[in-house]
Amino acid sequence: MRRPGPVLAAAILGAAAGCAVGPNYHRPEAPVPASFREEAPAGSAAAAPDRWRPAQPADAASRGRWWEIFGDPALNALEEQVTVSNQTIARAEAQFRGARAAVRGARADYYPTISTSPSVTRGQSGRTIASTGTASTVTTYQLPVDLSYEVDVFGRIRRNVEANAAIAQATAADLETVRLTMHAELAVDYFQLHGVDAQIQLLETTAAGYEKALRLTVNRHDQGIVSGVDVAQAETQLFTTRVQLTDLRLTRAQFEHAIAMLVGKAPGDFAIPPSPVAYAPPVVPVGLPSELLERRPEIASAERRMAAANAQIGVATSAFFPRLLLAATGGYETTRLADWFSLPSRFWSIGPSILFTIFDGGRRRAAREQAVAAYDSAVAFYRENVLAAFVQVEDNVAAVRILAEEAAQQTEAVAAAERLLALAQSRYSGGITTYLEVVTAQQVALANERAAVDVLTRRMTASVNLVKALGGGWQTAESSQFSVLSSEPGGPKPAN
């Protein structure tokens, strides 16, 4: 009758192999508001709480060419260059490929390791000399094959693969974060550069007007109509404007150099023709569905790193349990090369072993506590990212709305300043007032015109930042940037 011991032991090992120690991952709660404060008035349909649902990472969702909403072909061309030539994106993509390779390396532990080390040795034995009385040199030929395999009884390997797969997914989200950031940074720099172009154009026109005014004032001075003070004031006004113009040209050059780096070109081989922004920012839908927040890649990255930290708790917990190792060795050994593969030359051995740590001075407990602390830190970081996402959306929705109001008010201010300047020039031409009144009116008019250009630039950059805060566009197309890596040995393999 067969003894039940081996059968029972195999059954216990089979049952244990189906479990993995450590906590199973569940996404923690995160603070989610009922609605955007800036999105819609309280009580409206757009602010209904049922529009919200628990977030699911969607970092693989297509961001689309969101910059095309600005309708600027030059911007579109530059953004395409960022996609293919930006070195920060290239570095992030390489890190993503490295993370995928790490998953394949972790999954290799599901399979046995087979190695061989053929050898040829010559030597003498003191026992041979003692028994035969003569020295004998022996040549030994060996061809061993070693096999080692760890039975994943308590899920150490599974948890390690789970952690590496989550890190790879987080790295994929990091890559998407870099892409979104680089494209948004280019758009912001582009609009700021063309905002400077508008400022330069305004100052060039103003300086030309000041030159005419200076010539007129000099003529009036030569005729004895005005004093030298008026001439000095006109000169000061002109020279100050030229200084401001020169400073703006430096600022423009710096923006152009920054854009060159973003598109992967040397500044000496890159130039953008001057062209003031001549269009208003596009209307970004305020009542956007909540799932667009799920497309924020940095939130997906934080969530995946939280899952990886949870899996590492399981890896640390498995250290408290024994490891079952299977080892087998076989091959051929002979003193004659001709007999290397003969039947008497064969040797083999096979057997299991259990590795269990009896005492380590608290090292395993400390490692598990460290893993738990790392998970708690990841949870806090994830929740912080969720809060930051809502803050950024609120900030930029408010900026778009308030800057539109400010632009309308600034238009009125510019019109009033131009009326003041016309009146001051008329009074000066009639000899009613001094040139100081004209200078003051010119300064007010120029300041308001520059403020109007600045508001338009801020509106354009606020629109870009709102798109970025929403995760990059609002197209519904989906694309698979990263296939989910299975933690089981028979699951789908990552794409090469």
Protein backbone atom coordinates (compact mmCIF):
# COMPACT_ATOMS: atom_id res chain seq x y z
CA MET A 1 0.00 0.00 0.00
CA ARG A 2 1.32 3.47 -0.95
CA ARG A 3 2.20 5.70 1.95
CA PRO A 4 0.12 8.93 2.01
CA GLY A 5 3.03 11.14 3.09
CA PRO A 6 4.40 12.19 -0.34
CA VAL A 7 0.90 12.55 -1.79
CA LEU A 8 -0.22 14.71 1.12
CA ALA A 9 2.93 16.86 0.91
CA ALA A 10 2.37 17.39 -2.83
CA ALA A 11 -1.25 18.38 -2.19
CA ILE A 12 -0.23 20.89 0.48
CA LEU A 13 2.40 22.41 -1.80
CA GLY A 14 -0.10 22.60 -4.68
CA ALA A 15 -2.64 24.39 -2.49
CA ALA A 16 -0.01 26.77 -1.11
CA ALA A 17 1.24 27.58 -4.59
CA GLY A 18 -2.11 29.19 -5.39
CA CYS A 19 -1.71 31.91 -2.76
CA ALA A 20 0.52 34.94 -2.50
CA VAL A 21 1.27 36.49 0.86
CA GLY A 22 0.85 40.21 1.40
CA PRO A 23 -2.16 42.48 0.84
CA ASN A 24 -4.07 42.43 -2.43
CA TYR A 25 -4.20 45.83 -4.07
CA HIS A 26 -7.29 48.02 -3.83
CA ARG A 27 -7.18 51.63 -4.98
CA PRO A 28 -7.60 53.93 -1.94
CA GLU A 29 -10.19 56.67 -1.85
CA ALA A 30 -9.14 60.12 -3.07
CA PRO A 31 -10.81 63.49 -2.43
CA VAL A 32 -13.08 64.36 -5.38
CA PRO A 33 -15.25 67.50 -5.36
CA ALA A 34 -18.91 67.38 -6.41
CA SER A 35 -18.19 69.77 -9.28
CA PHE A 36 -15.76 72.40 -10.51
CA ARG A 37 -16.35 75.63 -8.69
CA GLU A 38 -15.44 77.60 -11.81
CA GLU A 39 -17.21 75.25 -14.21
CA ALA A 40 -20.89 76.04 -13.70
CA PRO A 41 -23.20 77.82 -11.24
CA ALA A 42 -24.41 75.80 -8.29
CA GLY A 43 -27.60 73.90 -9.03
CA SER A 44 -27.05 73.73 -12.79
CA ALA A 45 -27.09 70.47 -14.72
CA ALA A 46 -23.37 70.72 -15.39
CA ALA A 47 -22.64 70.74 -11.69
CA ALA A 48 -24.64 67.61 -10.90
CA PRO A 49 -22.73 65.26 -8.54
CA ASP A 50 -23.73 62.16 -10.56
CA ARG A 51 -21.33 63.25 -13.29
CA TRP A 52 -18.45 61.99 -11.14
CA ARG A 53 -17.24 58.43 -10.75
CA PRO A 54 -14.10 56.76 -9.37
CA ALA A 55 -11.12 57.48 -11.58
CA GLN A 56 -9.52 54.84 -13.77
CA PRO A 57 -6.02 55.59 -15.09
CA ALA A 58 -6.19 56.35 -18.81
CA ASP A 59 -2.63 57.34 -19.54
CA ALA A 60 -2.73 55.31 -22.77
CA ALA A 61 -5.60 57.39 -24.15
CA SER A 62 -4.75 59.38 -27.24
CA ARG A 63 -4.03 63.01 -26.41
CA GLY A 64 -4.53 63.94 -30.06
CA ARG A 65 -3.05 66.98 -31.74
CA TRP A 66 -4.71 69.33 -29.29
CA TRP A 67 -2.57 72.26 -30.42
CA GLU A 68 -4.48 72.31 -33.73
CA ILE A 69 -7.40 74.03 -31.98
CA PHE A 70 -5.38 77.26 -32.19
CA GLY A 71 -5.46 77.12 -35.98
CA ASP A 72 -1.81 78.14 -36.37
CA PRO A 73 0.06 76.14 -39.07
CA ALA A 74 3.45 77.33 -37.80
CA LEU A 75 2.66 76.07 -34.30
CA ASN A 76 1.43 72.76 -35.72
CA ALA A 77 4.70 72.25 -37.60
CA LEU A 78 6.79 72.97 -34.50
CA GLU A 79 4.72 70.60 -32.37
CA GLU A 80 5.31 67.78 -34.86
CA GLN A 81 9.05 68.38 -34.56
CA VAL A 82 8.77 68.06 -30.77
CA THR A 83 7.19 64.64 -31.20
CA VAL A 84 10.12 63.24 -33.19
CA SER A 85 13.14 65.29 -32.10
CA ASN A 86 12.75 66.30 -28.45
CA GLN A 87 15.53 64.73 -26.39
CA THR A 88 13.62 64.79 -23.11
CA ILE A 89 10.91 62.66 -24.73
CA ALA A 90 13.60 60.37 -26.17
CA ARG A 91 15.09 59.88 -22.71
CA ALA A 92 11.69 59.11 -21.16
CA GLU A 93 10.96 56.64 -23.96
CA ALA A 94 14.26 54.86 -23.26
CA GLN A 95 13.39 54.66 -19.57
CA PHE A 96 10.04 53.13 -20.50
CA ARG A 97 11.75 50.48 -22.65
CA GLY A 98 14.05 49.72 -19.73
CA ALA A 99 11.06 49.27 -17.40
CA ARG A 100 9.45 46.85 -19.86
CA ALA A 101 12.69 44.87 -20.01
CA ALA A 102 12.73 44.73 -16.20
CA VAL A 103 9.28 43.08 -16.29
CA ARG A 104 10.55 40.43 -18.69
CA GLY A 105 13.51 39.90 -16.37
CA ALA A 106 11.21 39.44 -13.36
CA ARG A 107 8.95 37.04 -15.27
CA ALA A 108 11.98 34.88 -16.08
CA ASP A 109 11.89 33.67 -12.45
CA TYR A 110 8.78 31.66 -13.32
CA TYR A 111 10.97 29.30 -15.33
CA PRO A 112 13.92 27.10 -14.37
CA THR A 113 17.48 28.17 -15.00
CA ILE A 114 19.64 25.71 -16.96
CA SER A 115 23.39 26.13 -17.18
CA THR A 116 26.42 24.14 -18.20
CA SER A 117 30.15 24.43 -17.58
CA PRO A 118 32.24 21.98 -19.64
CA SER A 119 35.79 21.55 -18.33
CA VAL A 120 39.04 19.67 -18.95
CA THR A 121 41.44 19.28 -15.99
CA ARG A 122 44.80 17.54 -15.42
CA GLY A 123 46.17 16.68 -12.01
CA GLN A 124 47.92 14.24 -9.68
CA SER A 125 46.57 12.59 -6.59
CA GLY A 126 48.70 11.76 -3.51
CA ARG A 127 46.56 8.66 -2.92
CA THR A 128 47.53 7.27 -6.34
CA ILE A 129 51.23 7.66 -5.60
CA ALA A 130 50.87 5.95 -2.17
CA SER A 131 49.01 2.98 -3.60
CA THR A 132 51.02 2.41 -6.79
CA GLY A 133 54.36 3.90 -5.84
CA THR A 134 54.42 5.91 -9.06
CA ALA A 135 53.24 9.38 -9.96
CA SER A 136 50.19 9.37 -12.24
CA THR A 137 48.76 12.36 -14.11
CA VAL A 138 45.04 12.10 -14.84
CA THR A 139 43.03 14.11 -17.39
CA THR A 140 39.34 14.50 -16.51
CA TYR A 141 36.66 15.58 -18.99
CA GLN A 142 33.39 16.92 -17.57
CA LEU A 143 30.14 18.05 -19.24
CA PRO A 144 27.71 18.89 -16.41
CA VAL A 145 24.22 20.38 -16.91
CA ASP A 146 22.68 22.11 -13.88
CA LEU A 147 19.00 22.94 -13.45
CA SER A 148 17.63 25.11 -10.63
CA TYR A 149 14.03 26.15 -10.03
CA GLU A 150 12.21 27.94 -7.22
CA VAL A 151 8.66 26.82 -6.56
CA ASP A 152 6.71 30.02 -5.93
CA VAL A 153 4.86 28.61 -2.93
CA PHE A 154 4.18 31.90 -1.14
CA GLY A 155 4.03 34.23 -4.13
CA ARG A 156 7.39 35.99 -3.81
CA ILE A 157 7.96 35.82 -7.56
CA ARG A 158 4.38 36.75 -8.41
CA ARG A 159 4.49 39.81 -6.18
CA ASN A 160 7.83 40.85 -7.65
CA VAL A 161 6.46 40.56 -11.20
CA GLU A 162 3.36 42.46 -10.10
CA ALA A 163 5.51 45.28 -8.72
CA ASN A 164 7.67 45.47 -11.85
CA ALA A 165 4.63 45.46 -14.14
CA ALA A 166 3.09 48.33 -12.17
CA ILE A 167 6.36 50.27 -12.36
CA ALA A 168 6.45 49.72 -16.12
CA GLN A 169 2.92 51.06 -16.41
CA ALA A 170 3.90 54.03 -14.26
CA THR A 171 6.88 54.65 -16.54
CA ALA A 172 4.53 54.58 -19.53
CA ALA A 173 2.49 57.27 -17.80
CA ASP A 174 5.69 59.20 -17.08
CA LEU A 175 6.47 59.12 -20.79
CA GLU A 176 3.03 60.54 -21.55
CA THR A 177 3.56 63.21 -18.89
CA VAL A 178 6.81 64.26 -20.57
CA ARG A 179 5.13 64.36 -23.98
CA LEU A 180 2.28 66.49 -22.69
CA THR A 181 4.65 68.78 -20.79
CA MET A 182 6.98 69.31 -23.76
CA HIS A 183 4.14 70.04 -26.18
CA ALA A 184 2.53 72.44 -23.72
CA GLU A 185 5.84 74.14 -22.97
CA LEU A 186 6.43 74.68 -26.68
CA ALA A 187 2.97 76.21 -27.12
CA VAL A 188 3.49 78.52 -24.12
CA ASP A 189 6.92 79.63 -25.37
CA TYR A 190 5.50 80.10 -28.88
CA PHE A 191 2.73 82.41 -27.73
CA GLN A 192 5.03 84.29 -25.39
CA LEU A 193 7.51 84.78 -28.22
CA HIS A 194 4.81 86.16 -30.49
CA GLY A 195 3.53 88.26 -27.62
CA VAL A 196 7.01 89.79 -27.51
CA ASP A 197 6.75 90.26 -31.30
CA ALA A 198 3.57 92.27 -30.72
CA GLN A 199 5.33 94.33 -28.04
CA ILE A 200 8.26 94.97 -30.38
CA GLN A 201 5.93 96.00 -33.20
CA LEU A 202 4.11 98.35 -30.84
CA LEU A 203 7.34 99.93 -29.56
CA GLU A 204 8.76 100.28 -33.07
CA THR A 205 5.60 102.14 -34.15
CA THR A 206 5.71 104.22 -30.97
CA ALA A 207 9.40 105.04 -31.42
CA ALA A 208 8.72 106.17 -34.99
CA GLY A 209 5.99 108.45 -33.66
CA TYR A 210 8.31 109.80 -30.98
CA GLU A 211 10.94 110.60 -33.63
CA LYS A 212 8.41 112.67 -35.57
CA ALA A 213 7.33 114.38 -32.35
CA LEU A 214 10.96 115.13 -31.49
CA ARG A 215 11.57 116.70 -34.92
CA LEU A 216 8.43 118.80 -34.52
CA THR A 217 9.50 119.92 -31.06
CA VAL A 218 12.99 120.83 -32.26
CA ASN A 219 11.48 122.92 -35.05
CA ARG A 220 9.20 124.69 -32.59
CA HIS A 221 12.19 125.27 -30.32
CA ASP A 222 14.20 126.73 -33.20
CA GLN A 223 11.31 129.07 -33.88
CA GLY A 224 11.30 130.15 -30.24
CA ILE A 225 7.85 128.72 -29.55
CA VAL A 226 8.89 126.16 -26.89
CA SER A 227 11.75 125.90 -24.47
CA GLY A 228 14.62 123.43 -24.34
CA VAL A 229 12.76 121.51 -21.62
CA ASP A 230 10.25 120.28 -24.20
CA VAL A 231 13.07 119.08 -26.44
CA ALA A 232 14.72 117.24 -23.53
CA GLN A 233 11.41 115.59 -22.61
CA ALA A 234 10.87 114.41 -26.21
CA GLU A 235 14.41 113.05 -26.39
CA THR A 236 14.06 111.23 -23.08
CA GLN A 237 10.79 109.70 -24.25
CA LEU A 238 12.36 108.44 -27.48
CA PHE A 239 15.57 107.12 -25.93
CA THR A 240 13.70 105.30 -23.15
CA THR A 241 11.49 103.60 -25.72
CA ARG A 242 14.54 102.46 -27.71
CA VAL A 243 16.04 100.93 -24.56
CA GLN A 244 12.82 99.01 -23.92
CA LEU A 245 12.81 97.86 -27.53
CA THR A 246 16.36 96.54 -27.26
CA ASP A 247 15.51 94.65 -24.07
CA LEU A 248 12.51 93.02 -25.77
CA ARG A 249 14.74 91.80 -28.60
CA LEU A 250 16.87 90.00 -26.01
CA THR A 251 13.78 88.40 -24.51
CA ARG A 252 12.63 87.27 -27.95
CA ALA A 253 16.02 85.69 -28.68
CA GLN A 254 15.83 83.71 -25.43
CA PHE A 255 12.34 82.40 -26.25
CA GLU A 256 13.52 81.43 -29.73
CA HIS A 257 16.48 79.54 -28.27
CA ALA A 258 14.19 77.72 -25.81
CA ILE A 259 11.93 76.62 -28.68
CA ALA A 260 14.96 75.44 -30.66
CA MET A 261 15.93 73.16 -27.80
CA LEU A 262 12.39 71.78 -27.54
CA VAL A 263 12.39 70.81 -31.22
CA GLY A 264 15.87 69.31 -30.95
CA LYS A 265 17.78 71.87 -32.99
CA ALA A 266 20.80 74.07 -32.33
CA PRO A 267 19.85 77.76 -31.91
CA GLY A 268 22.20 78.74 -34.72
CA ASP A 269 20.21 76.59 -37.18
CA PHE A 270 16.78 77.73 -36.07
CA ALA A 271 14.71 80.87 -36.50
CA ILE A 272 11.06 81.88 -36.21
CA PRO A 273 9.89 84.83 -38.33
CA PRO A 274 8.39 87.71 -36.31
CA SER A 275 4.62 87.48 -36.30
CA PRO A 276 2.41 89.00 -33.61
CA VAL A 277 -0.51 86.85 -32.46
CA ALA A 278 -3.44 88.14 -34.47
CA TYR A 279 -6.21 85.87 -33.22
CA ALA A 280 -8.11 85.33 -30.01
CA PRO A 281 -7.66 82.14 -27.97
CA PRO A 282 -10.02 79.26 -28.77
CA VAL A 283 -13.01 78.57 -26.58
CA VAL A 284 -12.19 75.66 -24.31
CA PRO A 285 -15.39 73.86 -23.23
CA VAL A 286 -15.89 74.51 -19.52
CA GLY A 287 -18.42 71.74 -18.93
CA LEU A 288 -15.94 68.98 -19.68
CA PRO A 289 -16.82 65.44 -18.52
CA SER A 290 -14.98 64.26 -15.47
CA GLU A 291 -13.26 61.37 -17.24
CA LEU A 292 -10.88 63.84 -18.84
CA LEU A 293 -9.20 64.19 -15.45
CA GLU A 294 -8.53 60.47 -15.62
CA ARG A 295 -6.33 61.12 -18.61
CA ARG A 296 -3.81 63.07 -16.56
CA PRO A 297 -0.76 60.84 -16.90
CA GLU A 298 0.93 61.91 -13.67
CA ILE A 299 -2.11 60.70 -11.72
CA ALA A 300 -1.94 57.36 -13.53
CA SER A 301 1.77 57.18 -12.72
CA ALA A 302 1.15 57.87 -9.03
CA GLU A 303 -1.60 55.24 -8.92
CA ARG A 304 0.59 52.58 -10.57
CA ARG A 305 3.47 53.31 -8.21
CA MET A 306 1.04 52.89 -5.35
CA ALA A 307 0.16 49.43 -6.73
CA ALA A 308 3.86 48.59 -7.04
CA ALA A 309 4.50 49.63 -3.43
CA ASN A 310 1.61 47.39 -2.34
CA ALA A 311 3.16 44.44 -4.19
CA GLN A 312 6.51 45.10 -2.51
CA ILE A 313 4.81 44.53 0.84
CA GLY A 314 4.05 41.02 -0.41
CA VAL A 315 7.67 40.53 -1.46
CA ALA A 316 8.87 41.62 1.99
CA THR A 317 6.26 39.41 3.71
CA SER A 318 7.35 36.34 1.73
CA ALA A 319 10.77 36.56 3.41
CA PHE A 320 9.13 35.23 6.62
CA PHE A 321 8.28 31.97 4.83
CA PRO A 322 10.57 29.22 3.55
CA ARG A 323 11.67 29.02 -0.08
CA LEU A 324 11.35 25.67 -1.86
CA LEU A 325 14.18 25.10 -4.32
CA LEU A 326 14.52 22.24 -6.78
CA ALA A 327 17.96 21.37 -8.16
CA ALA A 328 19.11 18.77 -10.66
CA THR A 329 22.53 18.01 -12.09
CA GLY A 330 23.47 15.59 -14.84
CA GLY A 331 26.12 15.02 -17.46
CA TYR A 332 29.17 13.08 -18.39
CA GLU A 333 32.58 12.62 -16.70
CA THR A 334 35.47 10.50 -17.90
CA THR A 335 39.26 10.34 -18.07
CA ARG A 336 39.20 9.42 -21.76
CA LEU A 337 37.76 11.77 -24.36
CA ALA A 338 36.62 8.81 -26.49
CA ASP A 339 34.44 7.54 -23.61
CA TRP A 340 32.91 10.97 -22.84
CA PHE A 341 29.38 10.10 -24.00
CA SER A 342 29.43 6.42 -23.05
CA LEU A 343 26.83 5.09 -20.63
CA PRO A 344 29.22 4.43 -17.71
CA SER A 345 30.40 8.03 -17.85
CA ARG A 346 27.00 9.46 -16.96
CA PHE A 347 26.21 11.00 -13.60
CA TRP A 348 23.13 12.73 -12.18
CA SER A 349 21.56 13.98 -8.98
CA ILE A 350 18.20 15.56 -8.17
CA GLY A 351 16.47 16.74 -5.03
CA PRO A 352 14.57 19.54 -3.32
CA SER A 353 15.84 21.86 -0.62
CA ILE A 354 14.15 24.33 1.70
CA LEU A 355 15.76 27.66 2.53
CA PHE A 356 14.49 29.21 5.74
CA THR A 357 15.98 32.03 7.78
CA ILE A 358 15.92 31.20 11.48
CA PHE A 359 17.42 34.41 12.88
CA ASP A 360 18.36 37.69 11.19
CA GLY A 361 18.29 40.23 14.00
CA GLY A 362 15.00 41.78 12.83
CA ARG A 363 16.11 42.48 9.26
CA ARG A 364 12.99 40.97 7.65
CA ARG A 365 10.63 42.79 10.00
CA ALA A 366 12.40 46.07 9.28
CA ALA A 367 12.17 45.42 5.53
CA ARG A 368 8.44 44.81 5.77
CA GLU A 369 7.91 47.95 7.86
CA GLN A 370 9.89 49.87 5.27
CA ALA A 371 7.67 48.48 2.49
CA VAL A 372 4.51 49.46 4.40
CA ALA A 373 5.87 52.97 4.95
CA ALA A 374 6.71 53.26 1.24
CA TYR A 375 3.13 52.25 0.39
CA ASP A 376 1.68 54.83 2.79
CA SER A 377 3.92 57.45 1.20
CA ALA A 378 2.71 56.42 -2.27
CA VAL A 379 -0.92 56.72 -1.15
CA ALA A 380 -0.31 60.24 0.16
CA PHE A 381 1.49 61.17 -3.06
CA TYR A 382 -1.40 59.83 -5.15
CA ARG A 383 -3.99 61.79 -3.17
CA GLU A 384 -1.80 64.89 -3.37
CA ASN A 385 -1.67 64.53 -7.17
CA VAL A 386 -5.45 64.21 -7.37
CA LEU A 387 -5.90 67.39 -5.31
CA ALA A 388 -3.29 69.20 -7.39
CA ALA A 389 -5.12 68.19 -10.57
CA PHE A 390 -8.36 69.79 -9.41
CA VAL A 391 -6.51 72.89 -8.25
CA GLN A 392 -4.78 73.29 -11.62
CA VAL A 393 -8.03 72.89 -13.54
CA GLU A 394 -9.79 75.40 -11.29
CA ASP A 395 -6.87 77.85 -11.61
CA ASN A 396 -6.82 77.76 -15.38
CA VAL A 397 -10.58 77.79 -15.88
CA ALA A 398 -10.65 80.89 -13.66
CA ALA A 399 -7.72 82.40 -15.57
CA VAL A 400 -9.42 81.89 -18.94
CA ARG A 401 -12.67 83.43 -17.71
CA ILE A 402 -11.18 86.35 -15.76
CA LEU A 403 -8.61 87.24 -18.41
CA ALA A 404 -11.40 87.43 -21.00
CA GLU A 405 -13.13 90.00 -18.77
CA GLU A 406 -9.83 91.81 -18.27
CA ALA A 407 -9.26 91.93 -22.05
CA ALA A 408 -12.61 93.64 -22.57
CA GLN A 409 -11.81 96.15 -19.83
CA GLN A 410 -8.33 96.73 -21.23
CA THR A 411 -9.79 97.50 -24.67
CA GLU A 412 -11.82 100.28 -23.08
CA ALA A 413 -8.72 101.53 -21.25
CA VAL A 414 -6.75 101.67 -24.52
CA ALA A 415 -9.51 103.63 -26.22
CA ALA A 416 -9.66 106.12 -23.32
CA ALA A 417 -5.88 106.54 -23.35
CA GLU A 418 -5.89 107.25 -27.09
CA ARG A 419 -8.57 109.92 -26.61
CA LEU A 420 -6.47 111.46 -23.82
CA LEU A 421 -3.39 111.49 -26.06
CA ALA A 422 -5.25 113.12 -28.94
CA LEU A 423 -6.60 115.79 -26.61
CA ALA A 424 -3.15 116.46 -25.09
CA GLN A 425 -1.54 116.78 -28.52
CA SER A 426 -4.28 119.18 -29.64
CA ARG A 427 -3.82 121.33 -26.52
CA TYR A 428 -0.04 121.36 -27.02
CA SER A 429 -0.35 122.33 -30.68
CA GLY A 430 -2.63 125.20 -29.66
CA GLY A 431 -0.12 126.41 -27.14
CA ILE A 432 -2.48 125.81 -24.21
CA THR A 433 -0.20 123.41 -22.30
CA THR A 434 3.40 122.24 -22.10
CA TYR A 435 4.89 119.17 -23.70
CA LEU A 436 4.87 117.45 -20.30
CA GLU A 437 1.14 116.84 -20.69
CA VAL A 438 1.77 115.17 -24.06
CA VAL A 439 4.54 113.02 -22.58
CA THR A 440 2.29 111.92 -19.75
CA ALA A 441 -0.52 111.04 -22.17
CA GLN A 442 1.91 109.12 -24.40
CA GLN A 443 3.19 107.10 -21.45
CA VAL A 444 -0.37 106.25 -20.40
CA ALA A 445 -1.34 105.24 -23.94
CA LEU A 446 1.77 103.08 -24.41
CA ALA A 447 1.34 101.39 -21.03
CA ASN A 448 -2.28 100.49 -21.83
CA GLU A 449 -1.44 99.22 -25.30
CA ARG A 450 1.34 97.02 -23.90
CA ALA A 451 -1.01 95.81 -21.18
CA ALA A 452 -3.52 94.80 -23.87
CA VAL A 453 -0.83 92.76 -25.65
CA ASP A 454 0.18 91.18 -22.34
CA VAL A 455 -3.42 90.20 -21.54
CA LEU A 456 -3.80 88.54 -24.95
CA THR A 457 -0.56 86.61 -24.41
CA ARG A 458 -1.72 85.50 -20.97
CA ARG A 459 -5.05 84.39 -22.42
CA MET A 460 -3.28 82.23 -25.01
CA THR A 461 -0.97 80.64 -22.43
CA ALA A 462 -3.89 80.13 -20.02
CA SER A 463 -5.71 78.20 -22.75
CA VAL A 464 -2.65 76.00 -23.24
CA ASN A 465 -2.32 75.43 -19.50
CA LEU A 466 -6.01 74.53 -19.25
CA VAL A 467 -5.61 71.91 -21.96
CA LYS A 468 -2.57 70.56 -20.10
CA ALA A 469 -4.46 70.54 -16.80
CA LEU A 470 -7.20 68.49 -18.43
CA GLY A 471 -4.71 65.87 -19.55
CA GLY A 472 -4.14 67.09 -23.09
CA GLY A 473 -7.11 67.68 -25.32
CA TRP A 474 -10.63 66.31 -25.35
CA GLN A 475 -10.66 63.95 -28.35
CA THR A 476 -12.30 60.57 -27.78
CA ALA A 477 -9.93 58.48 -29.91
CA GLU A 478 -8.05 55.79 -28.03
CA SER A 479 -4.68 54.29 -28.80
CA SER A 480 -2.75 51.59 -27.02
CA GLN A 481 0.57 53.06 -25.93
CA PHE A 482 1.28 50.27 -23.48
CA SER A 483 -0.08 46.75 -23.27
CA VAL A 484 -0.78 45.64 -19.71
CA LEU A 485 1.79 43.10 -18.61
CA SER A 486 0.44 39.95 -17.05
CA SER A 487 1.91 38.81 -13.76
CA GLU A 488 1.33 35.17 -14.66
CA PRO A 489 3.81 33.10 -16.67
CA GLY A 490 1.26 32.28 -19.37
CA GLY A 491 -0.03 35.83 -19.81
CA PRO A 492 0.54 38.22 -22.69
CA LYS A 493 4.07 39.34 -23.32
CA PRO A 494 5.09 43.01 -23.61
CA ALA A 495 5.52 44.33 -27.10
CA ASN A 496 9.05 44.73 -28.37
